[in-house]
């Protein structure tokens, strides 16, 4: 917890980008993010060689993702925020910080990352709570498409039978990968909690996803975010 404490208000008053893994990333020029503070989620690292930079941080809490991708994630030389449930795979990784995350109720938002964090049915929600803890005054979402081609019961575990149509890469959850179907309604409940917490603190979450289906957060045009620094 002392290592986590070092991140409290580290970025007070700054802005950051939380990068989802939706196909809409393919419609965006990500190069301006090289100069921004960014949170990558789960297998975002598959994009690193193509864009030529890494995210500032990585967040991952899903058990199935961590079981299958631990070796790849350990190889990343950047701060990683990982659920304590995966400590068996990351205990010897000096770049990993463990979070006490929980996917059962109560459904809460916490800006106190050294305590319990509700996962909110999506790793994006955990990143929002981390960003609050770090002091960011503005969080901008991209790649949070909130739209899945694969249908089925929320949270059900399935095995991919071919290319992944739901993420930026067909290999993201490629053939043979075991993953959980999204709970979009549950994540919307969590996102509403996040919006309320940020607004109560005089902070904002904006959604710059291209063509995204999420309607919880105010929309902003991605390209206009960089006009002043272009």
C-alpha atoms as a PDB file:
ATOM      1  CA  UNK A   1       0.000   0.000   0.000  1.00  0.00           C
ATOM      2  CA  UNK A   2       2.915   2.356   0.535  1.00  0.00           C
ATOM      3  CA  UNK A   3       3.778   2.060  -3.139  1.00  0.00           C
ATOM      4  CA  UNK A   4       0.204   2.952  -4.037  1.00  0.00           C
ATOM      5  CA  UNK A   5       0.289   5.883  -1.641  1.00  0.00           C
ATOM      6  CA  UNK A   6       3.069   7.417  -3.729  1.00  0.00           C
ATOM      7  CA  UNK A   7       0.528   7.925  -6.528  1.00  0.00           C
ATOM      8  CA  UNK A   8      -1.958   9.888  -4.422  1.00  0.00           C
ATOM      9  CA  UNK A   9      -2.521  13.263  -6.139  1.00  0.00           C
ATOM     10  CA  UNK A  10       0.603  12.701  -8.251  1.00  0.00           C
ATOM     11  CA  UNK A  11      -1.211  14.253 -11.209  1.00  0.00           C
ATOM     12  CA  UNK A  12      -3.307  16.853  -9.391  1.00  0.00           C
ATOM     13  CA  UNK A  13      -5.027  19.217 -11.811  1.00  0.00           C
ATOM     14  CA  UNK A  14      -3.830  17.411 -14.949  1.00  0.00           C
ATOM     15  CA  UNK A  15      -5.763  15.611 -17.670  1.00  0.00           C
ATOM     16  CA  UNK A  16      -5.451  12.013 -18.760  1.00  0.00           C
ATOM     17  CA  UNK A  17      -6.820   9.657 -21.368  1.00  0.00           C
ATOM     18  CA  UNK A  18      -8.309   6.261 -20.577  1.00  0.00           C
ATOM     19  CA  UNK A  19      -7.937   4.170 -23.709  1.00  0.00           C
ATOM     20  CA  UNK A  20     -10.541   1.476 -24.244  1.00  0.00           C
ATOM     21  CA  UNK A  21      -9.916  -1.321 -26.691  1.00  0.00           C
ATOM     22  CA  UNK A  22     -12.805  -0.878 -29.105  1.00  0.00           C
ATOM     23  CA  UNK A  23     -12.553  -1.071 -32.911  1.00  0.00           C
ATOM     24  CA  UNK A  24     -13.031   2.705 -33.054  1.00  0.00           C
ATOM     25  CA  UNK A  25      -9.349   3.123 -32.187  1.00  0.00           C
ATOM     26  CA  UNK A  26      -8.743   2.207 -35.832  1.00  0.00           C
ATOM     27  CA  UNK A  27     -10.556   5.385 -36.875  1.00  0.00           C
ATOM     28  CA  UNK A  28      -8.325   7.670 -34.817  1.00  0.00           C
ATOM     29  CA  UNK A  29      -4.878   9.192 -35.024  1.00  0.00           C
ATOM     30  CA  UNK A  30      -3.365   8.109 -31.722  1.00  0.00           C
ATOM     31  CA  UNK A  31      -0.039   9.870 -32.248  1.00  0.00           C
ATOM     32  CA  UNK A  32      -0.979  12.948 -30.139  1.00  0.00           C
ATOM     33  CA  UNK A  33      -1.318  10.647 -27.131  1.00  0.00           C
ATOM     34  CA  UNK A  34       2.440  10.159 -27.159  1.00  0.00           C
ATOM     35  CA  UNK A  35       2.625  13.437 -25.229  1.00  0.00           C
ATOM     36  CA  UNK A  36      -0.300  12.744 -22.871  1.00  0.00           C
ATOM     37  CA  UNK A  37      -0.755  10.762 -19.670  1.00  0.00           C
ATOM     38  CA  UNK A  38      -2.602   7.598 -20.613  1.00  0.00           C
ATOM     39  CA  UNK A  39      -4.174   4.578 -18.973  1.00  0.00           C
ATOM     40  CA  UNK A  40      -4.123   1.438 -21.100  1.00  0.00           C
ATOM     41  CA  UNK A  41      -6.403  -1.480 -20.285  1.00  0.00           C
ATOM     42  CA  UNK A  42      -5.884  -5.228 -20.525  1.00  0.00           C
ATOM     43  CA  UNK A  43      -4.295  -6.110 -23.894  1.00  0.00           C
ATOM     44  CA  UNK A  44      -3.785  -2.565 -25.191  1.00  0.00           C
ATOM     45  CA  UNK A  45      -0.105  -3.473 -25.455  1.00  0.00           C
ATOM     46  CA  UNK A  46      -0.855  -5.314 -28.701  1.00  0.00           C
ATOM     47  CA  UNK A  47      -1.061  -1.824 -30.203  1.00  0.00           C
ATOM     48  CA  UNK A  48       2.249  -0.527 -28.824  1.00  0.00           C
ATOM     49  CA  UNK A  49       4.522  -1.663 -31.700  1.00  0.00           C
ATOM     50  CA  UNK A  50       2.203  -0.080 -34.245  1.00  0.00           C
ATOM     51  CA  UNK A  51       1.817   3.319 -32.566  1.00  0.00           C
ATOM     52  CA  UNK A  52       5.432   3.517 -31.425  1.00  0.00           C
ATOM     53  CA  UNK A  53       4.812   4.346 -27.768  1.00  0.00           C
ATOM     54  CA  UNK A  54       3.419   2.764 -24.624  1.00  0.00           C
ATOM     55  CA  UNK A  55       0.692   4.002 -22.333  1.00  0.00           C
ATOM     56  CA  UNK A  56       1.802   5.645 -19.096  1.00  0.00           C
ATOM     57  CA  UNK A  57      -0.005   3.037 -17.016  1.00  0.00           C
ATOM     58  CA  UNK A  58      -1.700  -0.332 -17.510  1.00  0.00           C
ATOM     59  CA  UNK A  59      -4.741  -1.533 -15.568  1.00  0.00           C
ATOM     60  CA  UNK A  60      -6.064  -5.098 -15.577  1.00  0.00           C
ATOM     61  CA  UNK A  61      -8.392  -6.855 -13.139  1.00  0.00           C
ATOM     62  CA  UNK A  62     -10.187  -9.602 -15.069  1.00  0.00           C
ATOM     63  CA  UNK A  63      -9.138 -13.042 -13.886  1.00  0.00           C
ATOM     64  CA  UNK A  64      -9.390 -14.745 -17.278  1.00  0.00           C
ATOM     65  CA  UNK A  65      -7.366 -12.037 -19.012  1.00  0.00           C
ATOM     66  CA  UNK A  66      -4.680 -12.103 -16.335  1.00  0.00           C
ATOM     67  CA  UNK A  67      -4.401 -15.894 -16.322  1.00  0.00           C
ATOM     68  CA  UNK A  68      -3.824 -15.997 -20.076  1.00  0.00           C
ATOM     69  CA  UNK A  69      -1.744 -12.837 -20.471  1.00  0.00           C
ATOM     70  CA  UNK A  70       0.371 -12.640 -17.308  1.00  0.00           C
ATOM     71  CA  UNK A  71       3.632 -13.432 -19.087  1.00  0.00           C
ATOM     72  CA  UNK A  72       3.046 -10.746 -21.722  1.00  0.00           C
ATOM     73  CA  UNK A  73       2.092  -8.179 -19.099  1.00  0.00           C
ATOM     74  CA  UNK A  74       5.061  -8.923 -16.864  1.00  0.00           C
ATOM     75  CA  UNK A  75       7.342  -8.110 -19.791  1.00  0.00           C
ATOM     76  CA  UNK A  76       6.005  -4.541 -19.960  1.00  0.00           C
ATOM     77  CA  UNK A  77       8.328  -1.997 -18.345  1.00  0.00           C
ATOM     78  CA  UNK A  78       5.643   0.392 -17.145  1.00  0.00           C
ATOM     79  CA  UNK A  79       3.611   0.736 -13.929  1.00  0.00           C
ATOM     80  CA  UNK A  80       0.869  -1.887 -13.892  1.00  0.00           C
ATOM     81  CA  UNK A  81      -2.132  -1.805 -11.571  1.00  0.00           C
ATOM     82  CA  UNK A  82      -3.315  -5.383 -11.152  1.00  0.00           C
ATOM     83  CA  UNK A  83      -5.938  -7.010  -8.938  1.00  0.00           C
ATOM     84  CA  UNK A  84      -4.486  -8.754  -5.883  1.00  0.00           C
ATOM     85  CA  UNK A  85      -6.181 -11.961  -7.082  1.00  0.00           C
ATOM     86  CA  UNK A  86      -3.403 -12.270  -9.690  1.00  0.00           C
ATOM     87  CA  UNK A  87      -0.537 -11.921  -7.222  1.00  0.00           C
ATOM     88  CA  UNK A  88       0.674 -15.474  -7.898  1.00  0.00           C
ATOM     89  CA  UNK A  89       1.714 -14.372 -11.402  1.00  0.00           C
ATOM     90  CA  UNK A  90       2.997 -10.881 -10.602  1.00  0.00           C
ATOM     91  CA  UNK A  91       4.505 -11.106  -7.115  1.00  0.00           C
ATOM     92  CA  UNK A  92       8.072 -10.853  -8.450  1.00  0.00           C
ATOM     93  CA  UNK A  93       7.340  -8.044 -10.936  1.00  0.00           C
ATOM     94  CA  UNK A  94       8.781  -4.749  -9.633  1.00  0.00           C
ATOM     95  CA  UNK A  95       6.492  -2.763 -11.946  1.00  0.00           C
ATOM     96  CA  UNK A  96       3.243  -4.202 -10.569  1.00  0.00           C
ATOM     97  CA  UNK A  97       1.133  -2.498  -7.917  1.00  0.00           C
ATOM     98  CA  UNK A  98      -1.700  -4.556  -6.473  1.00  0.00           C
ATOM     99  CA  UNK A  99      -5.242  -3.276  -6.032  1.00  0.00           C
ATOM    100  CA  UNK A 100      -7.874  -4.678  -3.676  1.00  0.00           C
ATOM    101  CA  UNK A 101     -10.573  -4.962  -6.320  1.00  0.00           C
ATOM    102  CA  UNK A 102     -13.854  -6.823  -5.977  1.00  0.00           C
ATOM    103  CA  UNK A 103     -16.500  -7.699  -8.553  1.00  0.00           C
ATOM    104  CA  UNK A 104     -19.254  -8.274  -5.982  1.00  0.00           C
ATOM    105  CA  UNK A 105     -21.304  -5.563  -4.256  1.00  0.00           C
ATOM    106  CA  UNK A 106     -21.735  -3.077  -2.808  1.00  0.00           C
ATOM    107  CA  UNK A 107     -21.622  -1.018  -5.990  1.00  0.00           C
ATOM    108  CA  UNK A 108     -19.621   2.051  -5.000  1.00  0.00           C
ATOM    109  CA  UNK A 109     -17.162   4.583  -6.389  1.00  0.00           C
ATOM    110  CA  UNK A 110     -14.011   5.139  -4.369  1.00  0.00           C
ATOM    111  CA  UNK A 111     -11.268   7.660  -4.871  1.00  0.00           C
ATOM    112  CA  UNK A 112      -9.231   5.802  -2.275  1.00  0.00           C
ATOM    113  CA  UNK A 113      -7.148   3.322  -4.251  1.00  0.00           C
ATOM    114  CA  UNK A 114      -5.404   2.023  -1.135  1.00  0.00           C
ATOM    115  CA  UNK A 115      -8.735   0.508  -0.054  1.00  0.00           C
ATOM    116  CA  UNK A 116     -11.370  -1.642  -1.709  1.00  0.00           C
ATOM    117  CA  UNK A 117     -12.304  -0.787  -5.298  1.00  0.00           C
ATOM    118  CA  UNK A 118     -15.487  -2.074  -6.902  1.00  0.00           C
ATOM    119  CA  UNK A 119     -14.722  -3.280 -10.422  1.00  0.00           C
ATOM    120  CA  UNK A 120     -17.968  -1.974 -11.900  1.00  0.00           C
ATOM    121  CA  UNK A 121     -18.228  -4.761 -14.507  1.00  0.00           C
ATOM    122  CA  UNK A 122     -15.411  -3.171 -16.533  1.00  0.00           C
ATOM    123  CA  UNK A 123     -11.743  -2.391 -16.062  1.00  0.00           C
ATOM    124  CA  UNK A 124     -12.489   1.097 -17.382  1.00  0.00           C
ATOM    125  CA  UNK A 125     -14.279   1.849 -14.105  1.00  0.00           C
ATOM    126  CA  UNK A 126     -11.252   0.787 -12.083  1.00  0.00           C
ATOM    127  CA  UNK A 127      -9.112   3.147 -14.175  1.00  0.00           C
ATOM    128  CA  UNK A 128     -11.553   5.975 -13.445  1.00  0.00           C
ATOM    129  CA  UNK A 129     -11.161   5.395  -9.710  1.00  0.00           C
ATOM    130  CA  UNK A 130      -7.371   5.285 -10.041  1.00  0.00           C
ATOM    131  CA  UNK A 131      -7.401   8.524 -12.019  1.00  0.00           C
ATOM    132  CA  UNK A 132      -9.450  10.165  -9.274  1.00  0.00           C
ATOM    133  CA  UNK A 133      -6.978   8.938  -6.648  1.00  0.00           C
ATOM    134  CA  UNK A 134      -4.097  10.366  -8.680  1.00  0.00           C
ATOM    135  CA  UNK A 135      -5.777  13.766  -8.743  1.00  0.00           C
ATOM    136  CA  UNK A 136      -6.651  14.186 -12.418  1.00  0.00           C
ATOM    137  CA  UNK A 137      -9.173  16.968 -12.939  1.00  0.00           C
ATOM    138  CA  UNK A 138     -10.175  15.839 -16.426  1.00  0.00           C
ATOM    139  CA  UNK A 139     -10.463  12.290 -17.749  1.00  0.00           C
ATOM    140  CA  UNK A 140     -11.065  11.696 -21.448  1.00  0.00           C
ATOM    141  CA  UNK A 141     -12.316   8.362 -22.763  1.00  0.00           C
ATOM    142  CA  UNK A 142     -11.443   6.988 -26.180  1.00  0.00           C
ATOM    143  CA  UNK A 143     -12.032   3.540 -27.617  1.00  0.00           C
ATOM    144  CA  UNK A 144     -14.879   2.904 -25.171  1.00  0.00           C
ATOM    145  CA  UNK A 145     -17.261   1.769 -27.899  1.00  0.00           C
ATOM    146  CA  UNK A 146     -19.752   0.177 -25.468  1.00  0.00           C
ATOM    147  CA  UNK A 147     -20.931  -2.033 -28.299  1.00  0.00           C
ATOM    148  CA  UNK A 148     -20.244  -5.742 -28.768  1.00  0.00           C
ATOM    149  CA  UNK A 149     -21.006  -7.877 -31.802  1.00  0.00           C
ATOM    150  CA  UNK A 150     -20.800 -11.057 -29.719  1.00  0.00           C
ATOM    151  CA  UNK A 151     -24.071 -11.612 -27.865  1.00  0.00           C
ATOM    152  CA  UNK A 152     -24.985 -13.719 -24.833  1.00  0.00           C
ATOM    153  CA  UNK A 153     -25.690 -13.622 -21.090  1.00  0.00           C
ATOM    154  CA  UNK A 154     -23.756 -10.883 -19.248  1.00  0.00           C
ATOM    155  CA  UNK A 155     -20.537 -12.103 -17.600  1.00  0.00           C
ATOM    156  CA  UNK A 156     -20.820 -15.570 -19.178  1.00  0.00           C
ATOM    157  CA  UNK A 157     -17.457 -17.168 -19.972  1.00  0.00           C
ATOM    158  CA  UNK A 158     -17.023 -18.069 -23.640  1.00  0.00           C
ATOM    159  CA  UNK A 159     -14.183 -19.267 -25.860  1.00  0.00           C
ATOM    160  CA  UNK A 160     -13.502 -17.351 -29.069  1.00  0.00           C
ATOM    161  CA  UNK A 161     -14.039 -19.439 -32.176  1.00  0.00           C
ATOM    162  CA  UNK A 162     -12.268 -17.083 -34.564  1.00  0.00           C
ATOM    163  CA  UNK A 163     -11.164 -13.497 -35.052  1.00  0.00           C
ATOM    164  CA  UNK A 164     -12.303 -10.949 -32.464  1.00  0.00           C
ATOM    165  CA  UNK A 165     -14.825  -8.428 -33.911  1.00  0.00           C
ATOM    166  CA  UNK A 166     -15.208  -6.522 -30.640  1.00  0.00           C
ATOM    167  CA  UNK A 167     -11.760  -4.966 -30.207  1.00  0.00           C
ATOM    168  CA  UNK A 168      -9.122  -3.071 -32.194  1.00  0.00           C
ATOM    169  CA  UNK A 169      -7.287  -6.256 -33.160  1.00  0.00           C
ATOM    170  CA  UNK A 170      -8.717  -9.547 -34.468  1.00  0.00           C
ATOM    171  CA  UNK A 171      -6.165 -11.215 -32.195  1.00  0.00           C
ATOM    172  CA  UNK A 172      -7.270  -9.362 -29.051  1.00  0.00           C
ATOM    173  CA  UNK A 173      -9.505 -12.208 -27.877  1.00  0.00           C
ATOM    174  CA  UNK A 174      -8.526 -14.400 -30.816  1.00  0.00           C
ATOM    175  CA  UNK A 175      -9.397 -18.019 -31.500  1.00  0.00           C
ATOM    176  CA  UNK A 176      -9.144 -20.151 -28.370  1.00  0.00           C
ATOM    177  CA  UNK A 177      -9.096 -17.205 -25.927  1.00  0.00           C
ATOM    178  CA  UNK A 178     -11.460 -17.587 -22.977  1.00  0.00           C
ATOM    179  CA  UNK A 179     -13.217 -14.372 -21.958  1.00  0.00           C
ATOM    180  CA  UNK A 180     -16.341 -13.028 -20.296  1.00  0.00           C
ATOM    181  CA  UNK A 181     -19.179 -11.394 -22.188  1.00  0.00           C
ATOM    182  CA  UNK A 182     -19.762  -7.775 -21.139  1.00  0.00           C
ATOM    183  CA  UNK A 183     -22.420  -6.575 -18.723  1.00  0.00           C
ATOM    184  CA  UNK A 184     -23.243  -3.288 -20.425  1.00  0.00           C
ATOM    185  CA  UNK A 185     -26.105  -2.412 -18.070  1.00  0.00           C
ATOM    186  CA  UNK A 186     -23.946  -3.078 -15.028  1.00  0.00           C
ATOM    187  CA  UNK A 187     -21.125  -0.965 -16.398  1.00  0.00           C
ATOM    188  CA  UNK A 188     -23.573   1.866 -17.093  1.00  0.00           C
ATOM    189  CA  UNK A 189     -24.609   1.842 -13.427  1.00  0.00           C
ATOM    190  CA  UNK A 190     -20.942   2.119 -12.500  1.00  0.00           C
ATOM    191  CA  UNK A 191     -20.285   4.895 -15.002  1.00  0.00           C
ATOM    192  CA  UNK A 192     -23.124   6.929 -13.497  1.00  0.00           C
ATOM    193  CA  UNK A 193     -21.464   6.602 -10.094  1.00  0.00           C
ATOM    194  CA  UNK A 194     -18.187   7.792 -11.611  1.00  0.00           C
ATOM    195  CA  UNK A 195     -19.787  10.799 -13.284  1.00  0.00           C
ATOM    196  CA  UNK A 196     -21.498  11.818 -10.040  1.00  0.00           C
ATOM    197  CA  UNK A 197     -18.282  11.484  -8.021  1.00  0.00           C
ATOM    198  CA  UNK A 198     -16.220  13.500 -10.490  1.00  0.00           C
ATOM    199  CA  UNK A 199     -18.806  16.247 -10.800  1.00  0.00           C
ATOM    200  CA  UNK A 200     -19.210  16.481  -7.015  1.00  0.00           C
ATOM    201  CA  UNK A 201     -15.459  17.098  -6.802  1.00  0.00           C
ATOM    202  CA  UNK A 202     -15.479  19.708  -9.573  1.00  0.00           C
ATOM    203  CA  UNK A 203     -13.852  17.329 -12.039  1.00  0.00           C
ATOM    204  CA  UNK A 204     -15.020  15.943 -15.374  1.00  0.00           C
ATOM    205  CA  UNK A 205     -15.085  12.777 -17.448  1.00  0.00           C
ATOM    206  CA  UNK A 206     -15.504  13.399 -21.177  1.00  0.00           C
ATOM    207  CA  UNK A 207     -16.154  10.853 -23.919  1.00  0.00           C
ATOM    208  CA  UNK A 208     -14.163  11.340 -27.123  1.00  0.00           C
ATOM    209  CA  UNK A 209     -14.827   7.843 -28.485  1.00  0.00           C
ATOM    210  CA  UNK A 210     -15.514   7.929 -32.224  1.00  0.00           C
ATOM    211  CA  UNK A 211     -19.017   6.569 -32.835  1.00  0.00           C
ATOM    212  CA  UNK A 212     -19.342   5.095 -29.351  1.00  0.00           C
ATOM    213  CA  UNK A 213     -22.711   3.949 -27.995  1.00  0.00           C
ATOM    214  CA  UNK A 214     -22.125   5.119 -24.421  1.00  0.00           C
ATOM    215  CA  UNK A 215     -24.365   8.041 -23.421  1.00  0.00           C
ATOM    216  CA  UNK A 216     -23.380   8.587 -19.769  1.00  0.00           C
ATOM    217  CA  UNK A 217     -20.668  11.217 -20.238  1.00  0.00           C
ATOM    218  CA  UNK A 218     -20.557  14.526 -22.133  1.00  0.00           C
ATOM    219  CA  UNK A 219     -19.199  14.087 -25.649  1.00  0.00           C
ATOM    220  CA  UNK A 220     -16.186  15.906 -27.011  1.00  0.00           C
ATOM    221  CA  UNK A 221     -14.547  15.784 -30.445  1.00  0.00           C
ATOM    222  CA  UNK A 222     -11.194  14.045 -30.143  1.00  0.00           C
ATOM    223  CA  UNK A 223      -9.308  16.174 -32.662  1.00  0.00           C
ATOM    224  CA  UNK A 224     -10.335  19.415 -30.948  1.00  0.00           C
ATOM    225  CA  UNK A 225      -8.617  18.339 -27.732  1.00  0.00           C
ATOM    226  CA  UNK A 226      -5.244  19.062 -29.300  1.00  0.00           C
ATOM    227  CA  UNK A 227      -5.967  22.300 -31.174  1.00  0.00           C
ATOM    228  CA  UNK A 228      -4.292  24.485 -28.576  1.00  0.00           C
ATOM    229  CA  UNK A 229      -1.075  22.472 -28.620  1.00  0.00           C
ATOM    230  CA  UNK A 230      -0.900  21.636 -32.322  1.00  0.00           C
END
